[in-house]
Amino acid sequence: MKIRHAIFSILLLSLIATVLGADVVIAQARGARAGAAAAAPRAQQVHGTLLQVMRGILFPNSNVLFSSQSVDPASVQKDADPTASVNPLAGAYGGWEAIENSGLAMAEAANLLTIPGRVCGNGKPVPVQNADWQRFVQGLRDAGTATYKAGQSKNMDMVLDAADKVTTACMNCHEVYREKTSAQGGMAARCTK
């Protein structure tokens, strides 16, 4: 029932926007959203481990940036069916837009790394309360923002700078929480100092 109501609301707002103008509708929608948000705040939920977030969001999106270091995103031809492309640079939202989107995904994923209750691939809790963890997450957020700006600028020098920022942000955290030798406990010691 809620889904049908939401769909109906969206359709109604679209119709009103067409008739009255988008500015009025946007203001009304913002007011409705603010009222709904105040009425029923949702608790953040954890759906995946840190390993799954890294492999599902951060790894592929950083690779979009890394692959663009040697190929001008504007020169990448779209795939025959860009909506089914597995190459973000050649997909429907490819080229420089793929760099922008990857930057936003990395910056937003930084928020996911601060949600209490997430565990590492070894079952240990993600150390969200640690000051260095918060600093490392901010480094990732900043690197994602730099990537987004590089995509907007369409400047290869900015791409190289953003790639350096992403590499540094990842390695700062990995050196403390991920890279554990067998003498340090290996995989079982990840997410610990």
Protein backbone atom coordinates (compact mmCIF):
# COMPACT_ATOMS: atom_id res chain seq x y z
CA MET A 1 0.00 0.00 0.00
CA LYS A 2 2.83 2.40 0.88
CA ILE A 3 4.53 1.70 -2.44
CA ARG A 4 1.35 2.44 -4.40
CA HIS A 5 0.89 5.64 -2.39
CA ALA A 6 4.50 6.69 -3.13
CA ILE A 7 4.09 5.96 -6.85
CA PHE A 8 0.82 7.87 -6.93
CA SER A 9 2.47 10.81 -5.13
CA ILE A 10 5.31 10.88 -7.63
CA LEU A 11 2.93 10.79 -10.59
CA LEU A 12 0.76 13.50 -9.05
CA LEU A 13 3.78 15.73 -8.38
CA SER A 14 4.95 15.21 -11.96
CA LEU A 15 1.57 16.29 -13.27
CA ILE A 16 1.48 19.32 -10.98
CA ALA A 17 5.03 20.22 -12.01
CA THR A 18 3.94 20.23 -15.62
CA VAL A 19 0.95 22.45 -14.89
CA LEU A 20 2.33 24.84 -12.22
CA GLY A 21 6.02 24.81 -12.80
CA ALA A 22 8.77 22.82 -11.19
CA ASP A 23 9.77 25.40 -8.55
CA VAL A 24 6.45 25.21 -6.73
CA VAL A 25 6.42 21.42 -6.77
CA ILE A 26 10.01 21.13 -5.61
CA ALA A 27 9.29 23.39 -2.64
CA GLN A 28 6.20 21.32 -1.77
CA ALA A 29 8.10 18.06 -2.10
CA ARG A 30 10.89 19.34 0.16
CA GLY A 31 8.36 20.32 2.78
CA ALA A 32 6.65 16.92 2.56
CA ARG A 33 9.98 15.12 2.82
CA ALA A 34 11.02 17.18 5.83
CA GLY A 35 7.73 16.36 7.55
CA ALA A 36 8.04 12.65 6.75
CA ALA A 37 11.66 12.57 7.91
CA ALA A 38 10.76 14.22 11.20
CA ALA A 39 7.89 11.79 11.73
CA ALA A 40 9.77 8.54 11.15
CA PRO A 41 13.57 8.60 11.21
CA ARG A 42 15.08 5.33 10.07
CA ALA A 43 17.93 3.64 11.81
CA GLN A 44 20.97 2.91 9.68
CA GLN A 45 21.20 -0.73 8.71
CA VAL A 46 24.21 -2.87 7.94
CA HIS A 47 23.75 -5.33 5.08
CA GLY A 48 27.28 -6.39 4.20
CA THR A 49 30.66 -6.93 5.75
CA LEU A 50 33.48 -4.46 5.28
CA LEU A 51 35.01 -6.89 2.79
CA GLN A 52 31.78 -6.90 0.73
CA VAL A 53 31.56 -3.08 0.75
CA MET A 54 35.19 -2.90 -0.37
CA ARG A 55 34.75 -5.46 -3.14
CA GLY A 56 31.30 -4.29 -4.24
CA ILE A 57 31.71 -0.51 -4.14
CA LEU A 58 35.19 0.79 -3.45
CA PHE A 59 37.31 -1.62 -5.50
CA PRO A 60 35.33 -1.31 -8.77
CA ASN A 61 34.89 2.46 -8.46
CA SER A 62 38.55 3.11 -7.70
CA ASN A 63 39.42 0.96 -10.71
CA VAL A 64 37.34 3.22 -12.95
CA LEU A 65 39.61 6.06 -11.87
CA PHE A 66 42.79 4.00 -12.10
CA SER A 67 41.97 2.79 -15.63
CA SER A 68 41.40 6.36 -16.75
CA GLN A 69 44.98 7.33 -15.82
CA SER A 70 46.22 5.97 -19.11
CA VAL A 71 43.12 6.46 -21.30
CA ASP A 72 41.36 9.74 -21.84
CA PRO A 73 37.76 8.96 -20.77
CA ALA A 74 36.42 11.10 -23.62
CA SER A 75 38.11 8.80 -26.14
CA VAL A 76 36.43 5.62 -24.88
CA GLN A 77 33.81 4.41 -27.37
CA LYS A 78 30.47 3.35 -25.96
CA ASP A 79 29.77 -0.37 -26.16
CA ALA A 80 27.27 -1.60 -28.76
CA ASP A 81 24.68 -1.83 -25.99
CA PRO A 82 25.87 0.70 -23.41
CA THR A 83 23.04 -0.18 -21.02
CA ALA A 84 24.45 -3.71 -20.68
CA SER A 85 28.12 -2.73 -20.58
CA VAL A 86 30.29 -4.10 -17.81
CA ASN A 87 32.86 -1.39 -18.53
CA PRO A 88 31.76 1.79 -16.74
CA LEU A 89 33.85 3.97 -19.07
CA ALA A 90 32.05 2.50 -22.11
CA GLY A 91 28.61 2.22 -20.55
CA ALA A 92 25.53 4.41 -20.69
CA TYR A 93 27.06 6.82 -18.17
CA GLY A 94 30.60 6.44 -19.44
CA GLY A 95 33.46 8.74 -20.26
CA TRP A 96 34.05 11.59 -17.87
CA GLU A 97 30.66 11.03 -16.24
CA ALA A 98 31.89 7.61 -15.11
CA ILE A 99 34.77 9.32 -13.29
CA GLU A 100 32.35 11.73 -11.61
CA ASN A 101 30.03 8.89 -10.59
CA SER A 102 32.88 6.78 -9.25
CA GLY A 103 34.10 9.71 -7.17
CA LEU A 104 30.65 10.18 -5.68
CA ALA A 105 30.36 6.45 -4.99
CA MET A 106 33.67 6.47 -3.12
CA ALA A 107 32.76 9.57 -1.10
CA GLU A 108 29.35 8.15 -0.22
CA ALA A 109 30.80 4.72 0.58
CA ALA A 110 32.95 6.43 3.20
CA ASN A 111 29.70 6.96 5.13
CA LEU A 112 29.07 3.22 5.05
CA LEU A 113 32.40 2.64 6.77
CA THR A 114 31.22 4.54 9.84
CA ILE A 115 27.98 2.68 10.54
CA PRO A 116 28.21 0.82 13.86
CA GLY A 117 27.55 -2.90 13.67
CA ARG A 118 29.48 -3.65 10.48
CA VAL A 119 32.00 -6.45 10.76
CA CYS A 120 35.13 -7.28 8.82
CA GLY A 121 35.41 -10.39 6.66
CA ASN A 122 36.84 -12.21 9.68
CA GLY A 123 33.87 -11.35 11.91
CA LYS A 124 35.65 -8.71 14.01
CA PRO A 125 33.83 -5.39 14.42
CA VAL A 126 34.91 -2.51 12.21
CA PRO A 127 36.72 -0.09 14.57
CA VAL A 128 34.40 2.86 13.82
CA GLN A 129 35.09 4.39 17.23
CA ASN A 130 38.86 4.67 16.67
CA ALA A 131 40.17 8.16 15.92
CA ASP A 132 42.53 6.87 13.24
CA TRP A 133 39.68 4.98 11.55
CA GLN A 134 37.68 8.21 11.39
CA ARG A 135 40.73 10.00 9.93
CA PHE A 136 41.22 7.24 7.32
CA VAL A 137 37.54 7.39 6.36
CA GLN A 138 37.81 11.16 5.94
CA GLY A 139 40.82 10.59 3.69
CA LEU A 140 38.69 8.29 1.53
CA ARG A 141 35.88 10.84 1.45
CA ASP A 142 38.33 13.55 0.38
CA ALA A 143 39.80 11.26 -2.30
CA GLY A 144 36.31 10.54 -3.63
CA THR A 145 35.58 14.27 -3.79
CA ALA A 146 38.87 14.85 -5.64
CA THR A 147 37.87 12.13 -8.11
CA TYR A 148 34.47 13.73 -8.64
CA LYS A 149 36.11 17.12 -9.28
CA ALA A 150 38.60 15.50 -11.70
CA GLY A 151 35.67 14.08 -13.67
CA GLN A 152 33.97 17.45 -13.74
CA SER A 153 37.15 19.19 -14.88
CA LYS A 154 37.88 16.71 -17.69
CA ASN A 155 41.54 17.31 -16.88
CA MET A 156 43.96 14.37 -17.03
CA ASP A 157 46.37 16.01 -14.55
CA MET A 158 43.54 16.15 -12.02
CA VAL A 159 42.80 12.47 -12.72
CA LEU A 160 46.39 11.59 -11.88
CA ASP A 161 46.24 13.68 -8.70
CA ALA A 162 42.94 12.07 -7.67
CA ALA A 163 44.36 8.58 -8.32
CA ASP A 164 47.27 9.43 -6.02
CA LYS A 165 44.83 10.60 -3.33
CA VAL A 166 42.79 7.39 -3.61
CA THR A 167 45.92 5.23 -3.44
CA THR A 168 47.17 7.12 -0.38
CA ALA A 169 43.78 6.95 1.37
CA CYS A 170 43.54 3.20 0.81
CA MET A 171 47.09 2.45 1.86
CA ASN A 172 46.89 4.57 5.03
CA CYS A 173 44.07 2.39 6.30
CA HIS A 174 45.31 -0.90 4.87
CA GLU A 175 48.71 -0.53 6.53
CA VAL A 176 47.06 -0.37 9.95
CA TYR A 177 43.96 -2.56 9.64
CA ARG A 178 44.33 -4.87 6.63
CA GLU A 179 47.91 -5.83 5.83
CA LYS A 180 48.62 -8.44 8.49
CA THR A 181 51.47 -10.88 8.05
CA SER A 182 51.10 -14.45 9.27
CA ALA A 183 53.31 -13.47 12.24
CA GLN A 184 50.76 -10.72 13.04
CA GLY A 185 47.82 -13.12 12.77
CA GLY A 186 47.01 -12.83 9.05
CA MET A 187 43.35 -12.52 8.02
CA ALA A 188 42.18 -13.24 11.58
CA ALA A 189 43.95 -10.06 12.79
CA ARG A 190 42.36 -7.69 10.26
CA CYS A 191 40.43 -4.75 11.74
CA THR A 192 42.76 -4.71 14.75
CA LYS A 193 45.86 -2.65 15.40
